[in-house]
Amino acid sequence: MKQIPFNHINWAAIEKVAYKGEKGFCIWQTIQYPGLRIRLVEYSSDYLADHWCQKGHIVHCYY
């Protein structure tokens, strides 16, 4: 069984990268561990993706 490397993430220290969608934009902050990627994503209110991802994802949403 693979273990998740639990620790504190200082999101303020993680680079923000903006991506345009078909409409609007999103901002990604990404941390990569071996076999695990954690991403904090902010979406503009009019965001519409320009693609569809076939992978499965685990998502936590907050407002």
PDB file of N, CA and C in Angstrom:
ATOM      1  N   MET A   1       0.840  -1.175   0.000  1.00  0.00           N
ATOM      2  CA  MET A   1       0.000   0.000   0.000  1.00  0.00           C
ATOM      3  C   MET A   1       0.890   1.246   0.000  1.00  0.00           C
ATOM      4  N   LYS A   2       0.576   2.197  -0.876  1.00  0.00           N
ATOM      5  CA  LYS A   2       1.336   3.433  -0.973  1.00  0.00           C
ATOM      6  C   LYS A   2       0.908   4.386   0.137  1.00  0.00           C
ATOM      7  N   GLN A   3       1.881   5.021   0.779  1.00  0.00           N
ATOM      8  CA  GLN A   3       1.574   5.972   1.837  1.00  0.00           C
ATOM      9  C   GLN A   3       1.590   7.394   1.287  1.00  0.00           C
ATOM     10  N   ILE A   4       0.672   8.216   1.770  1.00  0.00           N
ATOM     11  CA  ILE A   4       0.632   9.629   1.392  1.00  0.00           C
ATOM     12  C   ILE A   4       1.553  10.393   2.333  1.00  0.00           C
ATOM     13  N   PRO A   5       2.452  11.226   1.802  1.00  0.00           N
ATOM     14  CA  PRO A   5       3.396  11.967   2.654  1.00  0.00           C
ATOM     15  C   PRO A   5       2.714  13.182   3.292  1.00  0.00           C
ATOM     16  N   PHE A   6       1.989  12.961   4.390  1.00  0.00           N
ATOM     17  CA  PHE A   6       1.295  14.057   5.054  1.00  0.00           C
ATOM     18  C   PHE A   6       2.306  15.034   5.645  1.00  0.00           C
ATOM     19  N   ASN A   7       2.097  16.307   5.408  1.00  0.00           N
ATOM     20  CA  ASN A   7       2.879  17.368   6.026  1.00  0.00           C
ATOM     21  C   ASN A   7       2.189  18.703   5.769  1.00  0.00           C
ATOM     22  N   HIS A   8       2.727  19.754   6.315  1.00  0.00           N
ATOM     23  CA  HIS A   8       2.187  21.097   6.123  1.00  0.00           C
ATOM     24  C   HIS A   8       2.623  21.612   4.757  1.00  0.00           C
ATOM     25  N   ILE A   9       1.707  22.206   4.022  1.00  0.00           N
ATOM     26  CA  ILE A   9       2.040  22.804   2.723  1.00  0.00           C
ATOM     27  C   ILE A   9       1.912  24.315   2.862  1.00  0.00           C
ATOM     28  N   ASN A  10       2.992  25.013   2.612  1.00  0.00           N
ATOM     29  CA  ASN A  10       2.984  26.472   2.643  1.00  0.00           C
ATOM     30  C   ASN A  10       2.621  26.967   1.236  1.00  0.00           C
ATOM     31  N   TRP A  11       1.327  27.088   0.970  1.00  0.00           N
ATOM     32  CA  TRP A  11       0.868  27.460  -0.363  1.00  0.00           C
ATOM     33  C   TRP A  11       1.377  28.832  -0.787  1.00  0.00           C
ATOM     34  N   ALA A  12       1.646  29.711   0.163  1.00  0.00           N
ATOM     35  CA  ALA A  12       2.156  31.046  -0.173  1.00  0.00           C
ATOM     36  C   ALA A  12       3.534  30.964  -0.838  1.00  0.00           C
ATOM     37  N   ALA A  13       4.254  29.881  -0.606  1.00  0.00           N
ATOM     38  CA  ALA A  13       5.592  29.708  -1.182  1.00  0.00           C
ATOM     39  C   ALA A  13       5.575  28.966  -2.518  1.00  0.00           C
ATOM     40  N   ILE A  14       4.408  28.493  -2.954  1.00  0.00           N
ATOM     41  CA  ILE A  14       4.295  27.724  -4.200  1.00  0.00           C
ATOM     42  C   ILE A  14       3.937  28.672  -5.345  1.00  0.00           C
ATOM     43  N   GLU A  15       4.692  28.603  -6.426  1.00  0.00           N
ATOM     44  CA  GLU A  15       4.473  29.466  -7.590  1.00  0.00           C
ATOM     45  C   GLU A  15       3.054  29.316  -8.142  1.00  0.00           C
ATOM     46  N   LYS A  16       2.443  30.448  -8.511  1.00  0.00           N
ATOM     47  CA  LYS A  16       1.127  30.453  -9.160  1.00  0.00           C
ATOM     48  C   LYS A  16       1.336  30.563 -10.665  1.00  0.00           C
ATOM     49  N   VAL A  17       0.674  29.667 -11.423  1.00  0.00           N
ATOM     50  CA  VAL A  17       0.788  29.668 -12.879  1.00  0.00           C
ATOM     51  C   VAL A  17      -0.611  29.785 -13.465  1.00  0.00           C
ATOM     52  N   ALA A  18      -0.827  30.774 -14.325  1.00  0.00           N
ATOM     53  CA  ALA A  18      -2.143  31.013 -14.921  1.00  0.00           C
ATOM     54  C   ALA A  18      -2.263  30.267 -16.254  1.00  0.00           C
ATOM     55  N   TYR A  19      -3.455  29.703 -16.500  1.00  0.00           N
ATOM     56  CA  TYR A  19      -3.765  29.007 -17.753  1.00  0.00           C
ATOM     57  C   TYR A  19      -5.086  29.539 -18.285  1.00  0.00           C
ATOM     58  N   LYS A  20      -5.100  29.861 -19.581  1.00  0.00           N
ATOM     59  CA  LYS A  20      -6.339  30.312 -20.206  1.00  0.00           C
ATOM     60  C   LYS A  20      -7.208  29.108 -20.535  1.00  0.00           C
ATOM     61  N   GLY A  21      -8.494  29.268 -20.350  1.00  0.00           N
ATOM     62  CA  GLY A  21      -9.449  28.265 -20.775  1.00  0.00           C
ATOM     63  C   GLY A  21     -10.078  28.704 -22.086  1.00  0.00           C
ATOM     64  N   GLU A  22     -11.095  27.973 -22.524  1.00  0.00           N
ATOM     65  CA  GLU A  22     -11.858  28.425 -23.696  1.00  0.00           C
ATOM     66  C   GLU A  22     -12.459  29.789 -23.370  1.00  0.00           C
ATOM     67  N   LYS A  23     -12.926  29.918 -22.129  1.00  0.00           N
ATOM     68  CA  LYS A  23     -13.338  31.201 -21.570  1.00  0.00           C
ATOM     69  C   LYS A  23     -12.698  31.305 -20.191  1.00  0.00           C
ATOM     70  N   GLY A  24     -12.317  32.494 -19.795  1.00  0.00           N
ATOM     71  CA  GLY A  24     -11.769  32.708 -18.467  1.00  0.00           C
ATOM     72  C   GLY A  24     -10.382  32.112 -18.291  1.00  0.00           C
ATOM     73  N   PHE A  25     -10.016  31.878 -17.042  1.00  0.00           N
ATOM     74  CA  PHE A  25      -8.683  31.370 -16.728  1.00  0.00           C
ATOM     75  C   PHE A  25      -8.728  30.609 -15.410  1.00  0.00           C
ATOM     76  N   CYS A  26      -7.667  29.860 -15.151  1.00  0.00           N
ATOM     77  CA  CYS A  26      -7.485  29.224 -13.854  1.00  0.00           C
ATOM     78  C   CYS A  26      -6.036  29.438 -13.429  1.00  0.00           C
ATOM     79  N   ILE A  27      -5.805  29.346 -12.134  1.00  0.00           N
ATOM     80  CA  ILE A  27      -4.469  29.514 -11.576  1.00  0.00           C
ATOM     81  C   ILE A  27      -4.126  28.253 -10.803  1.00  0.00           C
ATOM     82  N   TRP A  28      -3.003  27.637 -11.162  1.00  0.00           N
ATOM     83  CA  TRP A  28      -2.556  26.392 -10.534  1.00  0.00           C
ATOM     84  C   TRP A  28      -1.366  26.653  -9.633  1.00  0.00           C
ATOM     85  N   GLN A  29      -1.370  25.977  -8.478  1.00  0.00           N
ATOM     86  CA  GLN A  29      -0.191  25.847  -7.637  1.00  0.00           C
ATOM     87  C   GLN A  29      -0.003  24.343  -7.463  1.00  0.00           C
ATOM     88  N   THR A  30       1.168  23.837  -7.805  1.00  0.00           N
ATOM     89  CA  THR A  30       1.378  22.390  -7.877  1.00  0.00           C
ATOM     90  C   THR A  30       2.580  21.944  -7.058  1.00  0.00           C
ATOM     91  N   ILE A  31       2.405  20.832  -6.337  1.00  0.00           N
ATOM     92  CA  ILE A  31       3.482  20.163  -5.624  1.00  0.00           C
ATOM     93  C   ILE A  31       3.556  18.742  -6.173  1.00  0.00           C
ATOM     94  N   GLN A  32       4.762  18.271  -6.458  1.00  0.00           N
ATOM     95  CA  GLN A  32       4.940  16.935  -7.011  1.00  0.00           C
ATOM     96  C   GLN A  32       5.745  16.075  -6.050  1.00  0.00           C
ATOM     97  N   TYR A  33       5.188  14.920  -5.689  1.00  0.00           N
ATOM     98  CA  TYR A  33       5.888  13.881  -4.930  1.00  0.00           C
ATOM     99  C   TYR A  33       5.984  12.669  -5.856  1.00  0.00           C
ATOM    100  N   PRO A  34       6.839  11.710  -5.560  1.00  0.00           N
ATOM    101  CA  PRO A  34       6.885  10.495  -6.385  1.00  0.00           C
ATOM    102  C   PRO A  34       5.509   9.814  -6.426  1.00  0.00           C
ATOM    103  N   GLY A  35       4.922   9.745  -7.602  1.00  0.00           N
ATOM    104  CA  GLY A  35       3.631   9.082  -7.776  1.00  0.00           C
ATOM    105  C   GLY A  35       2.428   9.868  -7.286  1.00  0.00           C
ATOM    106  N   LEU A  36       2.610  11.132  -6.888  1.00  0.00           N
ATOM    107  CA  LEU A  36       1.505  11.929  -6.347  1.00  0.00           C
ATOM    108  C   LEU A  36       1.694  13.396  -6.701  1.00  0.00           C
ATOM    109  N   ARG A  37       0.663  13.980  -7.295  1.00  0.00           N
ATOM    110  CA  ARG A  37       0.684  15.418  -7.584  1.00  0.00           C
ATOM    111  C   ARG A  37      -0.470  16.057  -6.826  1.00  0.00           C
ATOM    112  N   ILE A  38      -0.176  17.129  -6.101  1.00  0.00           N
ATOM    113  CA  ILE A  38      -1.200  17.872  -5.372  1.00  0.00           C
ATOM    114  C   ILE A  38      -1.268  19.249  -5.994  1.00  0.00           C
ATOM    115  N   ARG A  39      -2.481  19.669  -6.316  1.00  0.00           N
ATOM    116  CA  ARG A  39      -2.648  20.942  -7.008  1.00  0.00           C
ATOM    117  C   ARG A  39      -3.783  21.727  -6.364  1.00  0.00           C
ATOM    118  N   LEU A  40      -3.517  23.000  -6.075  1.00  0.00           N
ATOM    119  CA  LEU A  40      -4.538  23.936  -5.624  1.00  0.00           C
ATOM    120  C   LEU A  40      -4.902  24.777  -6.840  1.00  0.00           C
ATOM    121  N   VAL A  41      -6.185  24.803  -7.197  1.00  0.00           N
ATOM    122  CA  VAL A  41      -6.615  25.479  -8.415  1.00  0.00           C
ATOM    123  C   VAL A  41      -7.681  26.512  -8.077  1.00  0.00           C
ATOM    124  N   GLU A  42      -7.514  27.718  -8.606  1.00  0.00           N
ATOM    125  CA  GLU A  42      -8.511  28.773  -8.501  1.00  0.00           C
ATOM    126  C   GLU A  42      -9.055  29.022  -9.904  1.00  0.00           C
ATOM    127  N   TYR A  43     -10.375  29.139 -10.021  1.00  0.00           N
ATOM    128  CA  TYR A  43     -11.022  29.363 -11.318  1.00  0.00           C
ATOM    129  C   TYR A  43     -11.670  30.732 -11.355  1.00  0.00           C
ATOM    130  N   SER A  44     -11.588  31.413 -12.499  1.00  0.00           N
ATOM    131  CA  SER A  44     -12.341  32.652 -12.669  1.00  0.00           C
ATOM    132  C   SER A  44     -13.824  32.289 -12.768  1.00  0.00           C
ATOM    133  N   SER A  45     -14.692  33.242 -12.499  1.00  0.00           N
ATOM    134  CA  SER A  45     -16.131  32.947 -12.457  1.00  0.00           C
ATOM    135  C   SER A  45     -16.690  32.509 -13.809  1.00  0.00           C
ATOM    136  N   ASP A  46     -16.037  32.880 -14.902  1.00  0.00           N
ATOM    137  CA  ASP A  46     -16.526  32.522 -16.241  1.00  0.00           C
ATOM    138  C   ASP A  46     -15.715  31.393 -16.875  1.00  0.00           C
ATOM    139  N   TYR A  47     -14.944  30.651 -16.069  1.00  0.00           N
ATOM    140  CA  TYR A  47     -14.031  29.643 -16.614  1.00  0.00           C
ATOM    141  C   TYR A  47     -14.765  28.523 -17.339  1.00  0.00           C
ATOM    142  N   LEU A  48     -14.259  28.178 -18.516  1.00  0.00           N
ATOM    143  CA  LEU A  48     -14.712  27.020 -19.276  1.00  0.00           C
ATOM    144  C   LEU A  48     -13.449  26.357 -19.829  1.00  0.00           C
ATOM    145  N   ALA A  49     -13.221  25.101 -19.460  1.00  0.00           N
ATOM    146  CA  ALA A  49     -12.007  24.393 -19.865  1.00  0.00           C
ATOM    147  C   ALA A  49     -11.931  24.260 -21.381  1.00  0.00           C
ATOM    148  N   ASP A  50     -10.709  24.227 -21.897  1.00  0.00           N
ATOM    149  CA  ASP A  50     -10.495  24.033 -23.327  1.00  0.00           C
ATOM    150  C   ASP A  50     -10.147  22.585 -23.650  1.00  0.00           C
ATOM    151  N   HIS A  51     -10.316  21.680 -22.669  1.00  0.00           N
ATOM    152  CA  HIS A  51     -10.000  20.260 -22.853  1.00  0.00           C
ATOM    153  C   HIS A  51     -10.795  19.436 -21.844  1.00  0.00           C
ATOM    154  N   TRP A  52     -10.752  18.132 -22.010  1.00  0.00           N
ATOM    155  CA  TRP A  52     -11.367  17.204 -21.054  1.00  0.00           C
ATOM    156  C   TRP A  52     -10.323  16.181 -20.677  1.00  0.00           C
ATOM    157  N   CYS A  53     -10.118  15.950 -19.382  1.00  0.00           N
ATOM    158  CA  CYS A  53      -9.107  15.009 -18.917  1.00  0.00           C
ATOM    159  C   CYS A  53      -9.748  13.637 -18.696  1.00  0.00           C
ATOM    160  N   GLN A  54      -9.110  12.582 -19.192  1.00  0.00           N
ATOM    161  CA  GLN A  54      -9.628  11.217 -19.079  1.00  0.00           C
ATOM    162  C   GLN A  54      -9.224  10.533 -17.774  1.00  0.00           C
ATOM    163  N   LYS A  55      -8.267  11.110 -17.027  1.00  0.00           N
ATOM    164  CA  LYS A  55      -7.794  10.493 -15.786  1.00  0.00           C
ATOM    165  C   LYS A  55      -8.836  10.642 -14.677  1.00  0.00           C
ATOM    166  N   GLY A  56      -8.738   9.775 -13.690  1.00  0.00           N
ATOM    167  CA  GLY A  56      -9.549   9.936 -12.484  1.00  0.00           C
ATOM    168  C   GLY A  56      -8.872  10.924 -11.549  1.00  0.00           C
ATOM    169  N   HIS A  57      -9.657  11.648 -10.780  1.00  0.00           N
ATOM    170  CA  HIS A  57      -9.103  12.636  -9.862  1.00  0.00           C
ATOM    171  C   HIS A  57      -9.784  12.532  -8.502  1.00  0.00           C
ATOM    172  N   ILE A  58      -9.064  12.910  -7.476  1.00  0.00           N
ATOM    173  CA  ILE A  58      -9.643  13.091  -6.152  1.00  0.00           C
ATOM    174  C   ILE A  58      -9.726  14.605  -5.961  1.00  0.00           C
ATOM    175  N   VAL A  59     -10.890  15.091  -5.599  1.00  0.00           N
ATOM    176  CA  VAL A  59     -11.106  16.531  -5.547  1.00  0.00           C
ATOM    177  C   VAL A  59     -11.653  16.935  -4.186  1.00  0.00           C
ATOM    178  N   HIS A  60     -11.135  18.014  -3.659  1.00  0.00           N
ATOM    179  CA  HIS A  60     -11.672  18.646  -2.458  1.00  0.00           C
ATOM    180  C   HIS A  60     -12.015  20.076  -2.841  1.00  0.00           C
ATOM    181  N   CYS A  61     -13.266  20.464  -2.709  1.00  0.00           N
ATOM    182  CA  CYS A  61     -13.696  21.815  -3.072  1.00  0.00           C
ATOM    183  C   CYS A  61     -14.025  22.603  -1.820  1.00  0.00           C
ATOM    184  N   TYR A  62     -13.653  23.852  -1.817  1.00  0.00           N
ATOM    185  CA  TYR A  62     -14.077  24.739  -0.739  1.00  0.00           C
ATOM    186  C   TYR A  62     -14.431  26.075  -1.344  1.00  0.00           C
ATOM    187  N   TYR A  63     -15.239  26.809  -0.658  1.00  0.00           N
ATOM    188  CA  TYR A  63     -15.737  28.087  -1.169  1.00  0.00           C
ATOM    189  C   TYR A  63     -15.206  29.199  -0.334  1.00  0.00           C
TER     190      TYR A  63
END
